[in-house]
Amino acid sequence: IPWRFGPPAFQNAKVSYDNVPTVIFSHPPIGTIGLTEQEAIEKYGPANIKVYRSKFSNLYYGPWKVDSDEKPKTAMKLVCAGTNELVVGLHVIGMGADEMLQGFGIALKMGATKADFDSCVAIHPTAAEEFVTMFPWGLGSENQVSGAKVSPLNGNAAPEPVLGV
């Protein structure tokens, strides 16, 4: 019955299965979206790929009276392509991976670049902040480019909605 799926204008609407966030609810959880490093190299060529990595002890374990080498680690990877460093893959294993992936899924669907990640103020203390502070922060390329329709770079105002009334 068509009315169950919205108005007639949406009867032929289809979901995009590009960049679907995927989580394995293991211990620790694993989250992934987009291309792996190898897939990106095969698709765009090695000269067009830049990979950012981070490995750290999650802040949750900070107060534990355990040597830092013994604390569980979180590992993250951003796979970027082209001179605009379009984020084509994002991967994480560690505490909180399952919770943080949905928001980054939206970012990748919208065409986020490394510059977009760099321009985001980190929420501290969280593991997710590592994705927006990956070294080198703010230095991804000489010509940082936003994937957004309205660039958040250089202090530009956030986009405003188009109002009908």
N, C-alpha and C. Protein backbone atom coordinates (compact mmCIF):
# COMPACT_ATOMS: atom_id res chain seq x y z
N ILE A 1 0.86 -1.17 0.00
CA ILE A 1 0.00 0.00 0.00
C ILE A 1 0.91 1.23 0.00
N PRO A 2 0.92 2.02 -1.08
CA PRO A 2 1.87 3.12 -1.24
C PRO A 2 1.81 4.18 -0.15
N TRP A 3 0.65 4.47 0.39
CA TRP A 3 0.55 5.55 1.38
C TRP A 3 1.36 5.27 2.62
N ARG A 4 1.70 4.03 2.88
CA ARG A 4 2.49 3.69 4.06
C ARG A 4 3.93 4.20 3.96
N PHE A 5 4.37 4.47 2.78
CA PHE A 5 5.75 4.88 2.57
C PHE A 5 5.87 6.35 2.21
N GLY A 6 4.90 7.16 2.58
CA GLY A 6 4.97 8.59 2.35
C GLY A 6 4.15 9.01 1.15
N PRO A 7 4.21 10.31 0.83
CA PRO A 7 3.40 10.84 -0.27
C PRO A 7 3.87 10.30 -1.63
N PRO A 8 3.02 10.41 -2.63
CA PRO A 8 3.36 9.89 -3.97
C PRO A 8 4.69 10.39 -4.53
N ALA A 9 5.10 11.58 -4.14
CA ALA A 9 6.37 12.13 -4.64
C ALA A 9 7.55 11.24 -4.28
N PHE A 10 7.40 10.42 -3.25
CA PHE A 10 8.51 9.57 -2.80
C PHE A 10 8.35 8.11 -3.19
N GLN A 11 7.40 7.80 -4.05
CA GLN A 11 7.15 6.39 -4.37
C GLN A 11 8.31 5.71 -5.08
N ASN A 12 9.15 6.48 -5.75
CA ASN A 12 10.30 5.89 -6.44
C ASN A 12 11.63 6.19 -5.74
N ALA A 13 11.55 6.72 -4.52
CA ALA A 13 12.76 7.05 -3.78
C ALA A 13 13.52 5.77 -3.42
N LYS A 14 14.83 5.87 -3.47
CA LYS A 14 15.68 4.72 -3.14
C LYS A 14 16.77 5.18 -2.19
N VAL A 15 17.16 4.30 -1.31
CA VAL A 15 18.24 4.61 -0.38
C VAL A 15 19.58 4.43 -1.10
N SER A 16 20.55 5.26 -0.72
CA SER A 16 21.90 5.11 -1.26
C SER A 16 22.68 4.20 -0.32
N TYR A 17 23.27 3.17 -0.88
CA TYR A 17 24.06 2.25 -0.08
C TYR A 17 25.56 2.57 -0.15
N ASP A 18 25.89 3.78 -0.61
CA ASP A 18 27.28 4.24 -0.57
C ASP A 18 27.57 4.74 0.84
N ASN A 19 28.74 4.46 1.33
CA ASN A 19 29.18 4.95 2.63
C ASN A 19 28.21 4.65 3.76
N VAL A 20 27.84 3.39 3.89
CA VAL A 20 26.98 2.96 4.99
C VAL A 20 27.87 2.64 6.19
N PRO A 21 27.65 3.32 7.32
CA PRO A 21 28.45 3.01 8.51
C PRO A 21 28.17 1.57 8.97
N THR A 22 29.22 0.87 9.33
CA THR A 22 29.10 -0.52 9.76
C THR A 22 29.84 -0.69 11.08
N VAL A 23 29.20 -1.38 12.01
CA VAL A 23 29.80 -1.61 13.31
C VAL A 23 29.76 -3.09 13.64
N ILE A 24 30.85 -3.59 14.19
CA ILE A 24 30.89 -4.94 14.75
C ILE A 24 30.88 -4.75 16.26
N PHE A 25 29.81 -5.24 16.89
CA PHE A 25 29.65 -5.06 18.33
C PHE A 25 30.44 -6.10 19.09
N SER A 26 31.75 -5.98 18.98
CA SER A 26 32.68 -6.88 19.65
C SER A 26 33.28 -6.13 20.84
N HIS A 27 34.24 -6.76 21.50
CA HIS A 27 34.93 -6.10 22.61
C HIS A 27 36.42 -6.08 22.31
N PRO A 28 36.98 -5.01 21.83
CA PRO A 28 36.37 -3.70 21.66
C PRO A 28 35.55 -3.63 20.37
N PRO A 29 34.62 -2.68 20.27
CA PRO A 29 33.84 -2.53 19.05
C PRO A 29 34.70 -2.00 17.90
N ILE A 30 34.26 -2.32 16.69
CA ILE A 30 34.96 -1.90 15.47
C ILE A 30 33.96 -1.15 14.61
N GLY A 31 34.36 0.00 14.08
CA GLY A 31 33.51 0.78 13.20
C GLY A 31 34.24 1.10 11.92
N THR A 32 33.50 1.07 10.81
CA THR A 32 34.11 1.36 9.51
C THR A 32 33.08 1.97 8.58
N ILE A 33 33.55 2.86 7.73
CA ILE A 33 32.71 3.44 6.69
C ILE A 33 33.62 3.81 5.52
N GLY A 34 33.14 3.56 4.33
CA GLY A 34 33.89 3.93 3.14
C GLY A 34 34.94 2.92 2.75
N LEU A 35 35.93 3.40 2.01
CA LEU A 35 36.96 2.55 1.45
C LEU A 35 38.06 2.23 2.46
N THR A 36 38.62 1.04 2.34
CA THR A 36 39.83 0.72 3.10
C THR A 36 40.99 1.44 2.41
N GLU A 37 42.12 1.47 3.05
CA GLU A 37 43.30 2.09 2.45
C GLU A 37 43.64 1.41 1.13
N GLN A 38 43.61 0.09 1.11
CA GLN A 38 43.94 -0.65 -0.11
C GLN A 38 42.93 -0.38 -1.22
N GLU A 39 41.64 -0.35 -0.89
CA GLU A 39 40.61 -0.06 -1.89
C GLU A 39 40.79 1.34 -2.46
N ALA A 40 41.13 2.30 -1.62
CA ALA A 40 41.35 3.67 -2.08
C ALA A 40 42.54 3.75 -3.02
N ILE A 41 43.62 3.04 -2.69
CA ILE A 41 44.80 3.01 -3.55
C ILE A 41 44.45 2.41 -4.90
N GLU A 42 43.70 1.32 -4.90
CA GLU A 42 43.30 0.67 -6.15
C GLU A 42 42.38 1.57 -6.99
N LYS A 43 41.52 2.33 -6.34
CA LYS A 43 40.57 3.18 -7.06
C LYS A 43 41.19 4.49 -7.55
N TYR A 44 42.03 5.12 -6.71
CA TYR A 44 42.54 6.45 -7.04
C TYR A 44 44.03 6.50 -7.33
N GLY A 45 44.75 5.42 -7.04
CA GLY A 45 46.20 5.40 -7.24
C GLY A 45 46.92 5.85 -5.98
N PRO A 46 48.09 5.27 -5.71
CA PRO A 46 48.81 5.56 -4.46
C PRO A 46 49.22 7.03 -4.31
N ALA A 47 49.50 7.71 -5.40
CA ALA A 47 49.93 9.10 -5.32
C ALA A 47 48.80 10.04 -4.89
N ASN A 48 47.56 9.56 -4.98
CA ASN A 48 46.40 10.40 -4.67
C ASN A 48 45.79 10.10 -3.31
N ILE A 49 46.45 9.30 -2.51
CA ILE A 49 45.92 8.88 -1.21
C ILE A 49 46.81 9.40 -0.09
N LYS A 50 46.19 9.92 0.95
CA LYS A 50 46.90 10.31 2.16
C LYS A 50 46.15 9.68 3.33
N VAL A 51 46.89 9.02 4.20
CA VAL A 51 46.28 8.31 5.33
C VAL A 51 46.76 8.93 6.64
N TYR A 52 45.81 9.20 7.51
CA TYR A 52 46.10 9.73 8.84
C TYR A 52 45.77 8.63 9.84
N ARG A 53 46.67 8.39 10.79
CA ARG A 53 46.49 7.32 11.78
C ARG A 53 46.71 7.85 13.18
N SER A 54 46.05 7.20 14.13
CA SER A 54 46.27 7.53 15.54
C SER A 54 46.02 6.28 16.37
N LYS A 55 46.82 6.10 17.40
CA LYS A 55 46.66 5.00 18.34
C LYS A 55 46.91 5.56 19.73
N PHE A 56 45.98 5.34 20.65
CA PHE A 56 46.08 5.96 21.96
C PHE A 56 45.28 5.16 22.98
N SER A 57 45.53 5.45 24.25
CA SER A 57 44.72 4.89 25.33
C SER A 57 43.52 5.80 25.50
N ASN A 58 42.34 5.24 25.45
CA ASN A 58 41.12 6.00 25.61
C ASN A 58 41.15 6.73 26.95
N LEU A 59 40.65 7.96 26.99
CA LEU A 59 40.67 8.77 28.20
C LEU A 59 39.90 8.11 29.35
N TYR A 60 38.97 7.23 29.04
CA TYR A 60 38.23 6.51 30.07
C TYR A 60 39.19 5.78 31.01
N TYR A 61 40.29 5.29 30.45
CA TYR A 61 41.25 4.51 31.23
C TYR A 61 42.29 5.38 31.93
N GLY A 62 42.20 6.70 31.78
CA GLY A 62 43.17 7.62 32.37
C GLY A 62 43.42 7.42 33.85
N PRO A 63 42.38 7.35 34.67
CA PRO A 63 42.61 7.24 36.12
C PRO A 63 43.02 5.84 36.59
N TRP A 64 43.01 4.86 35.70
CA TRP A 64 43.38 3.51 36.11
C TRP A 64 44.83 3.48 36.58
N LYS A 65 45.08 2.83 37.67
CA LYS A 65 46.44 2.71 38.21
C LYS A 65 47.14 1.53 37.53
N VAL A 66 47.31 1.69 36.21
CA VAL A 66 47.93 0.65 35.39
C VAL A 66 48.92 1.35 34.46
N ASP A 67 50.01 0.69 34.15
CA ASP A 67 50.98 1.24 33.21
C ASP A 67 50.26 1.53 31.89
N SER A 68 50.60 2.64 31.23
CA SER A 68 49.90 3.03 30.00
C SER A 68 50.02 1.98 28.90
N ASP A 69 51.09 1.22 28.89
CA ASP A 69 51.23 0.16 27.89
C ASP A 69 50.23 -0.97 28.10
N GLU A 70 49.71 -1.08 29.30
CA GLU A 70 48.75 -2.14 29.63
C GLU A 70 47.30 -1.72 29.42
N LYS A 71 47.05 -0.44 29.22
CA LYS A 71 45.68 0.05 29.03
C LYS A 71 45.20 -0.30 27.63
N PRO A 72 43.90 -0.64 27.48
CA PRO A 72 43.36 -0.93 26.15
C PRO A 72 43.55 0.27 25.22
N LYS A 73 43.85 0.00 23.98
CA LYS A 73 44.11 1.05 23.00
C LYS A 73 42.93 1.25 22.06
N THR A 74 42.87 2.44 21.51
CA THR A 74 41.94 2.77 20.42
C THR A 74 42.81 3.10 19.22
N ALA A 75 42.45 2.58 18.05
CA ALA A 75 43.17 2.89 16.81
C ALA A 75 42.20 3.49 15.81
N MET A 76 42.64 4.55 15.14
CA MET A 76 41.81 5.25 14.16
C MET A 76 42.58 5.48 12.88
N LYS A 77 41.82 5.54 11.79
CA LYS A 77 42.44 5.80 10.49
C LYS A 77 41.47 6.61 9.64
N LEU A 78 41.98 7.69 9.04
CA LEU A 78 41.25 8.47 8.04
C LEU A 78 41.93 8.24 6.71
N VAL A 79 41.19 7.84 5.70
CA VAL A 79 41.72 7.63 4.36
C VAL A 79 41.19 8.77 3.49
N CYS A 80 42.10 9.58 2.95
CA CYS A 80 41.72 10.75 2.16
C CYS A 80 42.23 10.59 0.72
N ALA A 81 41.47 11.18 -0.22
CA ALA A 81 41.83 11.08 -1.64
C ALA A 81 41.82 12.45 -2.29
N GLY A 82 42.73 12.62 -3.25
CA GLY A 82 42.77 13.83 -4.05
C GLY A 82 43.45 14.99 -3.35
N THR A 83 43.65 16.07 -4.11
CA THR A 83 44.28 17.26 -3.55
C THR A 83 43.37 17.94 -2.53
N ASN A 84 42.07 17.73 -2.64
CA ASN A 84 41.14 18.29 -1.67
C ASN A 84 41.01 17.41 -0.42
N GLU A 85 41.70 16.29 -0.41
CA GLU A 85 41.69 15.35 0.71
C GLU A 85 40.26 14.99 1.14
N LEU A 86 39.46 14.58 0.16
CA LEU A 86 38.12 14.07 0.44
C LEU A 86 38.25 12.84 1.32
N VAL A 87 37.53 12.78 2.43
CA VAL A 87 37.59 11.62 3.30
C VAL A 87 36.78 10.50 2.63
N VAL A 88 37.48 9.44 2.21
CA VAL A 88 36.83 8.33 1.51
C VAL A 88 36.75 7.08 2.37
N GLY A 89 37.37 7.12 3.55
CA GLY A 89 37.31 5.99 4.47
C GLY A 89 37.62 6.43 5.89
N LEU A 90 36.91 5.85 6.84
CA LEU A 90 37.11 6.16 8.25
C LEU A 90 36.96 4.85 9.02
N HIS A 91 37.95 4.53 9.83
CA HIS A 91 37.97 3.23 10.51
C HIS A 91 38.43 3.41 11.95
N VAL A 92 37.80 2.67 12.86
CA VAL A 92 38.13 2.80 14.28
C VAL A 92 37.90 1.48 14.99
N ILE A 93 38.80 1.15 15.90
CA ILE A 93 38.60 0.01 16.81
C ILE A 93 38.94 0.51 18.20
N GLY A 94 38.02 0.32 19.12
CA GLY A 94 38.24 0.74 20.49
C GLY A 94 36.96 1.19 21.14
N MET A 95 37.05 1.46 22.41
CA MET A 95 35.89 1.87 23.19
C MET A 95 35.20 3.08 22.55
N GLY A 96 33.90 2.99 22.37
CA GLY A 96 33.12 4.09 21.82
C GLY A 96 33.01 4.09 20.30
N ALA A 97 33.70 3.19 19.62
CA ALA A 97 33.64 3.16 18.15
C ALA A 97 32.20 3.03 17.66
N ASP A 98 31.42 2.21 18.34
CA ASP A 98 30.04 1.99 17.92
C ASP A 98 29.21 3.25 18.05
N GLU A 99 29.46 4.06 19.05
CA GLU A 99 28.65 5.26 19.28
C GLU A 99 29.05 6.43 18.39
N MET A 100 30.31 6.52 18.01
CA MET A 100 30.77 7.69 17.27
C MET A 100 30.56 7.59 15.77
N LEU A 101 30.32 6.40 15.26
CA LEU A 101 30.36 6.22 13.81
C LEU A 101 29.21 6.87 13.06
N GLN A 102 28.02 6.96 13.65
CA GLN A 102 26.88 7.50 12.92
C GLN A 102 27.12 8.94 12.47
N GLY A 103 27.63 9.76 13.35
CA GLY A 103 27.88 11.16 12.99
C GLY A 103 28.92 11.30 11.89
N PHE A 104 29.96 10.48 11.98
CA PHE A 104 30.96 10.53 10.92
C PHE A 104 30.41 9.98 9.61
N GLY A 105 29.44 9.08 9.71
CA GLY A 105 28.76 8.58 8.50
C GLY A 105 28.07 9.71 7.76
N ILE A 106 27.43 10.59 8.50
CA ILE A 106 26.77 11.75 7.88
C ILE A 106 27.81 12.63 7.21
N ALA A 107 28.92 12.86 7.89
CA ALA A 107 29.98 13.71 7.34
C ALA A 107 30.49 13.15 6.01
N LEU A 108 30.74 11.84 5.95
CA LEU A 108 31.23 11.25 4.71
C LEU A 108 30.19 11.31 3.61
N LYS A 109 28.92 11.07 3.96
CA LYS A 109 27.83 11.17 2.97
C LYS A 109 27.75 12.57 2.37
N MET A 110 28.12 13.58 3.18
CA MET A 110 28.02 14.97 2.73
C MET A 110 29.29 15.46 2.05
N GLY A 111 30.29 14.59 1.91
CA GLY A 111 31.50 14.96 1.19
C GLY A 111 32.54 15.68 2.02
N ALA A 112 32.66 15.34 3.29
CA ALA A 112 33.63 16.00 4.17
C ALA A 112 35.06 15.76 3.71
N THR A 113 35.87 16.77 3.91
CA THR A 113 37.30 16.70 3.60
C THR A 113 38.08 16.74 4.92
N LYS A 114 39.38 16.49 4.84
CA LYS A 114 40.23 16.59 6.03
C LYS A 114 40.14 18.00 6.60
N ALA A 115 40.04 19.01 5.73
CA ALA A 115 39.92 20.39 6.19
C ALA A 115 38.64 20.59 7.00
N ASP A 116 37.55 19.92 6.61
CA ASP A 116 36.31 19.99 7.38
C ASP A 116 36.50 19.38 8.77
N PHE A 117 37.17 18.24 8.82
CA PHE A 117 37.45 17.61 10.11
C PHE A 117 38.31 18.55 10.96
N ASP A 118 39.35 19.15 10.35
CA ASP A 118 40.25 20.04 11.08
C ASP A 118 39.53 21.28 11.60
N SER A 119 38.49 21.72 10.90
CA SER A 119 37.80 22.96 11.30
C SER A 119 36.77 22.72 12.41
N CYS A 120 36.56 21.48 12.78
CA CYS A 120 35.57 21.13 13.80
C CYS A 120 36.22 21.24 15.19
N VAL A 121 35.56 21.95 16.09
CA VAL A 121 36.05 22.05 17.47
C VAL A 121 35.78 20.72 18.16
N ALA A 122 36.81 20.13 18.74
CA ALA A 122 36.70 18.82 19.36
C ALA A 122 35.91 18.87 20.66
N ILE A 123 35.16 17.81 20.91
CA ILE A 123 34.46 17.65 22.19
C ILE A 123 35.42 16.90 23.10
N HIS A 124 35.78 17.53 24.20
CA HIS A 124 36.78 16.96 25.10
C HIS A 124 36.17 16.73 26.48
N PRO A 125 36.40 15.63 27.10
CA PRO A 125 37.25 14.51 26.71
C PRO A 125 36.44 13.39 26.07
N THR A 126 36.68 13.11 24.83
CA THR A 126 36.05 11.99 24.13
C THR A 126 37.08 11.32 23.23
N ALA A 127 36.82 10.08 22.87
CA ALA A 127 37.69 9.40 21.91
C ALA A 127 37.46 9.98 20.51
N ALA A 128 36.23 10.37 20.21
CA ALA A 128 35.89 10.89 18.88
C ALA A 128 36.68 12.14 18.52
N GLU A 129 37.12 12.89 19.53
CA GLU A 129 37.85 14.12 19.24
C GLU A 129 39.13 13.84 18.46
N GLU A 130 39.64 12.64 18.56
CA GLU A 130 40.88 12.30 17.86
C GLU A 130 40.72 12.42 16.35
N PHE A 131 39.51 12.12 15.83
CA PHE A 131 39.29 12.23 14.38
C PHE A 131 39.38 13.67 13.89
N VAL A 132 39.06 14.64 14.73
CA VAL A 132 39.11 16.04 14.30
C VAL A 132 40.38 16.76 14.76
N THR A 133 41.29 16.01 15.38
CA THR A 133 42.57 16.60 15.78
C THR A 133 43.75 15.78 15.28
N MET A 134 43.54 14.94 14.26
CA MET A 134 44.62 14.09 13.76
C MET A 134 45.73 14.92 13.16
N PHE A 135 46.95 14.60 13.53
CA PHE A 135 48.13 15.30 13.05
C PHE A 135 48.35 15.00 11.57
N PRO A 136 48.77 15.94 10.75
CA PRO A 136 48.96 17.33 11.11
C PRO A 136 47.63 18.08 11.05
N TRP A 137 47.24 18.69 12.14
CA TRP A 137 45.98 19.40 12.22
C TRP A 137 46.07 20.71 11.47
N GLY A 138 45.12 20.92 10.57
CA GLY A 138 45.08 22.18 9.83
C GLY A 138 46.14 22.34 8.77
N LEU A 139 46.94 21.30 8.54
CA LEU A 139 48.03 21.41 7.57
C LEU A 139 47.93 20.35 6.48
N GLY A 140 46.73 19.79 6.27
CA GLY A 140 46.56 18.70 5.32
C GLY A 140 47.07 19.00 3.93
N SER A 141 46.85 20.20 3.45
CA SER A 141 47.36 20.60 2.14
C SER A 141 47.41 22.12 2.09
N GLU A 142 48.16 22.65 1.13
CA GLU A 142 48.28 24.10 1.03
C GLU A 142 46.94 24.74 0.70
N ASN A 143 46.13 24.06 -0.07
CA ASN A 143 44.85 24.61 -0.48
C ASN A 143 43.71 23.81 0.16
N GLN A 144 43.52 24.04 1.45
CA GLN A 144 42.46 23.31 2.14
C GLN A 144 41.12 23.66 1.53
N VAL A 145 40.33 22.61 1.30
CA VAL A 145 39.04 22.77 0.64
C VAL A 145 37.98 22.07 1.46
N SER A 146 36.85 22.70 1.60
CA SER A 146 35.73 22.10 2.30
C SER A 146 34.85 21.35 1.30
N GLY A 147 34.28 20.24 1.76
CA GLY A 147 33.32 19.52 0.92
C GLY A 147 31.91 20.04 1.11
N ALA A 148 31.73 20.97 2.04
CA ALA A 148 30.39 21.49 2.36
C ALA A 148 29.91 22.48 1.30
N LYS A 149 28.60 22.60 1.18
CA LYS A 149 28.04 23.59 0.26
C LYS A 149 28.35 25.00 0.73
N VAL A 150 28.36 25.20 2.04
CA VAL A 150 28.81 26.45 2.63
C VAL A 150 30.00 26.09 3.49
N SER A 151 31.17 26.54 3.10
CA SER A 151 32.39 26.16 3.79
C SER A 151 32.43 26.72 5.20
N PRO A 152 32.77 25.85 6.18
CA PRO A 152 32.94 26.33 7.54
C PRO A 152 34.34 26.87 7.80
N LEU A 153 35.18 26.87 6.77
CA LEU A 153 36.56 27.30 6.92
C LEU A 153 36.67 28.82 7.03
N ASN A 154 37.72 29.28 7.62
CA ASN A 154 38.05 30.70 7.74
C ASN A 154 36.98 31.52 8.45
N GLY A 155 36.27 30.89 9.39
CA GLY A 155 35.31 31.63 10.20
C GLY A 155 34.00 31.96 9.51
N ASN A 156 33.72 31.34 8.37
CA ASN A 156 32.45 31.60 7.69
C ASN A 156 31.28 31.19 8.57
N ALA A 157 30.18 31.88 8.43
CA ALA A 157 28.98 31.58 9.21
C ALA A 157 28.40 30.24 8.78
N ALA A 158 27.74 29.58 9.71
CA ALA A 158 27.07 28.31 9.41
C ALA A 158 25.93 28.59 8.41
N PRO A 159 25.60 27.58 7.59
CA PRO A 159 24.51 27.78 6.64
C PRO A 159 23.19 28.03 7.34
N GLU A 160 22.33 28.77 6.71
CA GLU A 160 21.00 29.08 7.24
C GLU A 160 19.96 28.37 6.39
N PRO A 161 18.84 27.98 6.99
CA PRO A 161 17.79 27.32 6.22
C PRO A 161 17.09 28.29 5.30
N VAL A 162 16.49 27.77 4.26
CA VAL A 162 15.65 28.57 3.36
C VAL A 162 14.24 28.50 3.94
N LEU A 163 13.71 29.65 4.32
CA LEU A 163 12.40 29.69 4.97
C LEU A 163 11.30 29.97 3.96
N GLY A 164 10.19 29.29 4.14
CA GLY A 164 9.07 29.46 3.20
C GLY A 164 8.03 30.45 3.69
N VAL A 165 8.16 30.93 4.90
CA VAL A 165 7.17 31.85 5.46
C VAL A 165 7.85 33.13 5.89
